[in-house]
Amino acid sequence: MRSKIIMAVSVAFALMLTGCNTVAGAGKDLSRAGNAISNAAEK
């Protein structure tokens, strides 16, 4: 079970990085993901 979770997170991270053209773009995407998680936690 644990290996499936690690694999899913790895695949999601790889897909996210392929969507970013630059390191700055990756930073913005990570920031947006963090904000989305924070907003979901507040609700």
C-alpha atoms as a PDB file:
ATOM      1  CA  MET A   1       0.000   0.000   0.000  1.00  0.00           C
ATOM      2  CA  ARG A   2       2.765   2.420   0.922  1.00  0.00           C
ATOM      3  CA  SER A   3       4.603   1.808  -2.352  1.00  0.00           C
ATOM      4  CA  LYS A   4       1.425   2.625  -4.309  1.00  0.00           C
ATOM      5  CA  ILE A   5       1.126   5.972  -2.542  1.00  0.00           C
ATOM      6  CA  ILE A   6       4.783   6.785  -3.186  1.00  0.00           C
ATOM      7  CA  MET A   7       4.367   5.820  -6.847  1.00  0.00           C
ATOM      8  CA  ALA A   8       1.245   7.989  -7.224  1.00  0.00           C
ATOM      9  CA  VAL A   9       2.972  10.992  -5.659  1.00  0.00           C
ATOM     10  CA  SER A  10       6.018  10.456  -7.873  1.00  0.00           C
ATOM     11  CA  VAL A  11       3.902  10.304 -11.023  1.00  0.00           C
ATOM     12  CA  ALA A  12       1.956  13.415 -10.015  1.00  0.00           C
ATOM     13  CA  PHE A  13       5.198  15.274  -9.311  1.00  0.00           C
ATOM     14  CA  ALA A  14       6.676  14.203 -12.664  1.00  0.00           C
ATOM     15  CA  LEU A  15       3.562  15.347 -14.526  1.00  0.00           C
ATOM     16  CA  MET A  16       3.615  18.660 -12.715  1.00  0.00           C
ATOM     17  CA  LEU A  17       7.249  19.235 -13.628  1.00  0.00           C
ATOM     18  CA  THR A  18       6.681  18.410 -17.295  1.00  0.00           C
ATOM     19  CA  GLY A  19       4.035  21.142 -17.341  1.00  0.00           C
ATOM     20  CA  CYS A  20       6.570  23.718 -16.197  1.00  0.00           C
ATOM     21  CA  ASN A  21       8.911  25.265 -18.729  1.00  0.00           C
ATOM     22  CA  THR A  22      11.212  26.947 -16.231  1.00  0.00           C
ATOM     23  CA  VAL A  23      12.300  26.715 -12.615  1.00  0.00           C
ATOM     24  CA  ALA A  24      10.340  29.896 -11.939  1.00  0.00           C
ATOM     25  CA  GLY A  25       7.252  28.244 -13.391  1.00  0.00           C
ATOM     26  CA  ALA A  26       7.786  25.237 -11.126  1.00  0.00           C
ATOM     27  CA  GLY A  27       8.005  27.546  -8.116  1.00  0.00           C
ATOM     28  CA  LYS A  28       4.756  29.244  -9.048  1.00  0.00           C
ATOM     29  CA  ASP A  29       3.035  25.890  -9.514  1.00  0.00           C
ATOM     30  CA  LEU A  30       4.258  24.653  -6.133  1.00  0.00           C
ATOM     31  CA  SER A  31       3.091  27.873  -4.534  1.00  0.00           C
ATOM     32  CA  ARG A  32      -0.374  27.500  -6.065  1.00  0.00           C
ATOM     33  CA  ALA A  33      -0.554  23.883  -4.910  1.00  0.00           C
ATOM     34  CA  GLY A  34       0.377  24.950  -1.386  1.00  0.00           C
ATOM     35  CA  ASN A  35      -2.259  27.666  -1.420  1.00  0.00           C
ATOM     36  CA  ALA A  36      -4.892  25.201  -2.628  1.00  0.00           C
ATOM     37  CA  ILE A  37      -4.022  22.800   0.179  1.00  0.00           C
ATOM     38  CA  SER A  38      -4.137  25.609   2.742  1.00  0.00           C
ATOM     39  CA  ASN A  39      -7.509  26.815   1.472  1.00  0.00           C
ATOM     40  CA  ALA A  40      -8.918  23.296   1.548  1.00  0.00           C
ATOM     41  CA  ALA A  41      -7.677  22.823   5.114  1.00  0.00           C
ATOM     42  CA  GLU A  42      -9.363  26.040   6.237  1.00  0.00           C
ATOM     43  CA  LYS A  43     -12.753  24.897   4.928  1.00  0.00           C
END
